[in-house]
Amino acid sequence: MNICALCGSAVEVGREVSRKEECPSCSGDLRICLNCKFYSETAHNKCTEPRADFQRSRDRANFCDYFKYKEGGGTGGGSDDAKAAAKNAFGDLFK
């Protein structure tokens, strides 16, 4: 099972994700950089695949030949409780 990076919902994807596939929950595109296993905020062009072309929009469908759906999901939203707990744990480090 994979996670939509746009809404955090579980989605079922096959081996190949077509450019036209959408999330059943939010109707967002699934073949986006944010859902790709090569996506990285810290990498050059935000992609760890050196041969991939630069993609201007990370949250819109594209034609990247190297797209592979990220195992376990994208950068999905996560729950507010989990965010609050992480923030509190981080704050506790400096007390």
C-alpha atoms as a PDB file:
ATOM      1  CA  MET A   1       0.000   0.000   0.000  1.00  0.00           C
ATOM      2  CA  ASN A   2       1.252   3.479  -0.847  1.00  0.00           C
ATOM      3  CA  ILE A   3       0.395   6.939   0.422  1.00  0.00           C
ATOM      4  CA  CYS A   4      -0.658   9.985  -1.603  1.00  0.00           C
ATOM      5  CA  ALA A   5       1.820  12.797  -0.918  1.00  0.00           C
ATOM      6  CA  LEU A   6      -0.904  15.398  -1.401  1.00  0.00           C
ATOM      7  CA  CYS A   7      -3.547  14.177   1.074  1.00  0.00           C
ATOM      8  CA  GLY A   8      -1.933  11.327   3.018  1.00  0.00           C
ATOM      9  CA  SER A   9      -4.564   8.757   1.978  1.00  0.00           C
ATOM     10  CA  ALA A  10      -3.679   5.158   1.183  1.00  0.00           C
ATOM     11  CA  VAL A  11      -3.728   4.386  -2.552  1.00  0.00           C
ATOM     12  CA  GLU A  12      -3.385   1.174  -4.508  1.00  0.00           C
ATOM     13  CA  VAL A  13      -0.948   1.473  -7.413  1.00  0.00           C
ATOM     14  CA  GLY A  14       0.243  -1.059  -9.952  1.00  0.00           C
ATOM     15  CA  ARG A  15       3.772  -1.574 -11.231  1.00  0.00           C
ATOM     16  CA  GLU A  16       3.475   1.334 -13.627  1.00  0.00           C
ATOM     17  CA  VAL A  17       1.711   4.559 -12.685  1.00  0.00           C
ATOM     18  CA  SER A  18       0.270   6.370 -15.688  1.00  0.00           C
ATOM     19  CA  ARG A  19       0.444  10.141 -16.004  1.00  0.00           C
ATOM     20  CA  LYS A  20      -3.371  10.290 -15.868  1.00  0.00           C
ATOM     21  CA  GLU A  21      -3.856   8.301 -12.632  1.00  0.00           C
ATOM     22  CA  GLU A  22      -5.416  10.231  -9.769  1.00  0.00           C
ATOM     23  CA  CYS A  23      -5.813   9.721  -6.038  1.00  0.00           C
ATOM     24  CA  PRO A  24      -9.330   8.436  -5.270  1.00  0.00           C
ATOM     25  CA  SER A  25      -9.533  10.688  -2.191  1.00  0.00           C
ATOM     26  CA  CYS A  26      -8.256  14.087  -3.357  1.00  0.00           C
ATOM     27  CA  SER A  27      -8.239  13.639  -7.162  1.00  0.00           C
ATOM     28  CA  GLY A  28      -4.610  14.789  -7.194  1.00  0.00           C
ATOM     29  CA  ASP A  29      -2.134  13.402  -9.701  1.00  0.00           C
ATOM     30  CA  LEU A  30      -0.213  10.315  -8.534  1.00  0.00           C
ATOM     31  CA  ARG A  31       2.714  10.449 -10.988  1.00  0.00           C
ATOM     32  CA  ILE A  32       4.370  13.420  -9.300  1.00  0.00           C
ATOM     33  CA  CYS A  33       7.844  14.021  -7.918  1.00  0.00           C
ATOM     34  CA  LEU A  34       6.523  14.069  -4.349  1.00  0.00           C
ATOM     35  CA  ASN A  35       5.429  10.423  -4.749  1.00  0.00           C
ATOM     36  CA  CYS A  36       8.677   9.274  -6.374  1.00  0.00           C
ATOM     37  CA  LYS A  37      11.346   7.257  -4.571  1.00  0.00           C
ATOM     38  CA  PHE A  38      14.028   9.503  -6.107  1.00  0.00           C
ATOM     39  CA  TYR A  39      12.543  12.737  -4.698  1.00  0.00           C
ATOM     40  CA  SER A  40      14.699  14.419  -2.061  1.00  0.00           C
ATOM     41  CA  GLU A  41      14.464  17.959  -0.672  1.00  0.00           C
ATOM     42  CA  THR A  42      18.236  18.066  -0.215  1.00  0.00           C
ATOM     43  CA  ALA A  43      19.355  16.706  -3.613  1.00  0.00           C
ATOM     44  CA  HIS A  44      20.307  18.824  -6.619  1.00  0.00           C
ATOM     45  CA  ASN A  45      17.093  19.534  -8.570  1.00  0.00           C
ATOM     46  CA  LYS A  46      15.345  17.696  -5.679  1.00  0.00           C
ATOM     47  CA  CYS A  47      16.022  14.359  -7.384  1.00  0.00           C
ATOM     48  CA  THR A  48      18.585  11.677  -6.565  1.00  0.00           C
ATOM     49  CA  GLU A  49      18.383  10.219 -10.103  1.00  0.00           C
ATOM     50  CA  PRO A  50      21.197  12.095 -11.909  1.00  0.00           C
ATOM     51  CA  ARG A  51      19.832  11.427 -15.417  1.00  0.00           C
ATOM     52  CA  ALA A  52      16.322  12.733 -14.714  1.00  0.00           C
ATOM     53  CA  ASP A  53      15.255  15.962 -16.389  1.00  0.00           C
ATOM     54  CA  PHE A  54      14.479  18.985 -14.212  1.00  0.00           C
ATOM     55  CA  GLN A  55      10.788  19.159 -13.295  1.00  0.00           C
ATOM     56  CA  ARG A  56       9.503  22.648 -12.554  1.00  0.00           C
ATOM     57  CA  SER A  57       6.392  21.518 -10.689  1.00  0.00           C
ATOM     58  CA  ARG A  58       6.800  18.766  -8.089  1.00  0.00           C
ATOM     59  CA  ASP A  59       3.073  18.351  -7.379  1.00  0.00           C
ATOM     60  CA  ARG A  60       1.791  17.976 -10.958  1.00  0.00           C
ATOM     61  CA  ALA A  61       1.901  14.963 -13.265  1.00  0.00           C
ATOM     62  CA  ASN A  62       5.000  14.756 -15.454  1.00  0.00           C
ATOM     63  CA  PHE A  63       6.627  12.540 -18.081  1.00  0.00           C
ATOM     64  CA  CYS A  64       9.765  11.573 -16.119  1.00  0.00           C
ATOM     65  CA  ASP A  65      11.105   8.243 -17.397  1.00  0.00           C
ATOM     66  CA  TYR A  66      12.651   7.387 -14.011  1.00  0.00           C
ATOM     67  CA  PHE A  67       9.489   7.679 -11.871  1.00  0.00           C
ATOM     68  CA  LYS A  68       9.072   4.866  -9.329  1.00  0.00           C
ATOM     69  CA  TYR A  69       6.354   5.126  -6.683  1.00  0.00           C
ATOM     70  CA  LYS A  70       7.903   5.500  -3.246  1.00  0.00           C
ATOM     71  CA  GLU A  71       7.485   2.381  -1.108  1.00  0.00           C
ATOM     72  CA  GLY A  72       5.241   3.127   1.828  1.00  0.00           C
ATOM     73  CA  GLY A  73       4.201   6.503   0.498  1.00  0.00           C
ATOM     74  CA  GLY A  74       5.063  10.053  -0.318  1.00  0.00           C
ATOM     75  CA  THR A  75       5.580  13.026   1.912  1.00  0.00           C
ATOM     76  CA  GLY A  76       1.931  12.886   3.036  1.00  0.00           C
ATOM     77  CA  GLY A  77       0.515  15.186   5.628  1.00  0.00           C
ATOM     78  CA  GLY A  78       0.611  13.008   8.734  1.00  0.00           C
ATOM     79  CA  SER A  79      -1.643  13.553  11.734  1.00  0.00           C
ATOM     80  CA  ASP A  80      -1.685  16.695  13.841  1.00  0.00           C
ATOM     81  CA  ASP A  81      -1.146  14.579  16.980  1.00  0.00           C
ATOM     82  CA  ALA A  82       2.018  13.068  15.528  1.00  0.00           C
ATOM     83  CA  LYS A  83       3.304  16.524  14.540  1.00  0.00           C
ATOM     84  CA  ALA A  84       2.586  17.915  18.004  1.00  0.00           C
ATOM     85  CA  ALA A  85       4.312  14.961  19.673  1.00  0.00           C
ATOM     86  CA  ALA A  86       7.394  15.377  17.472  1.00  0.00           C
ATOM     87  CA  LYS A  87       7.501  19.115  18.172  1.00  0.00           C
ATOM     88  CA  ASN A  88       7.234  18.526  21.925  1.00  0.00           C
ATOM     89  CA  ALA A  89       9.976  15.880  21.850  1.00  0.00           C
ATOM     90  CA  PHE A  90      12.239  18.276  19.951  1.00  0.00           C
ATOM     91  CA  GLY A  91      11.509  21.061  22.434  1.00  0.00           C
ATOM     92  CA  ASP A  92      12.329  18.749  25.343  1.00  0.00           C
ATOM     93  CA  LEU A  93      15.859  18.303  23.985  1.00  0.00           C
ATOM     94  CA  PHE A  94      16.693  21.904  24.844  1.00  0.00           C
ATOM     95  CA  LYS A  95      15.205  22.115  28.360  1.00  0.00           C
END
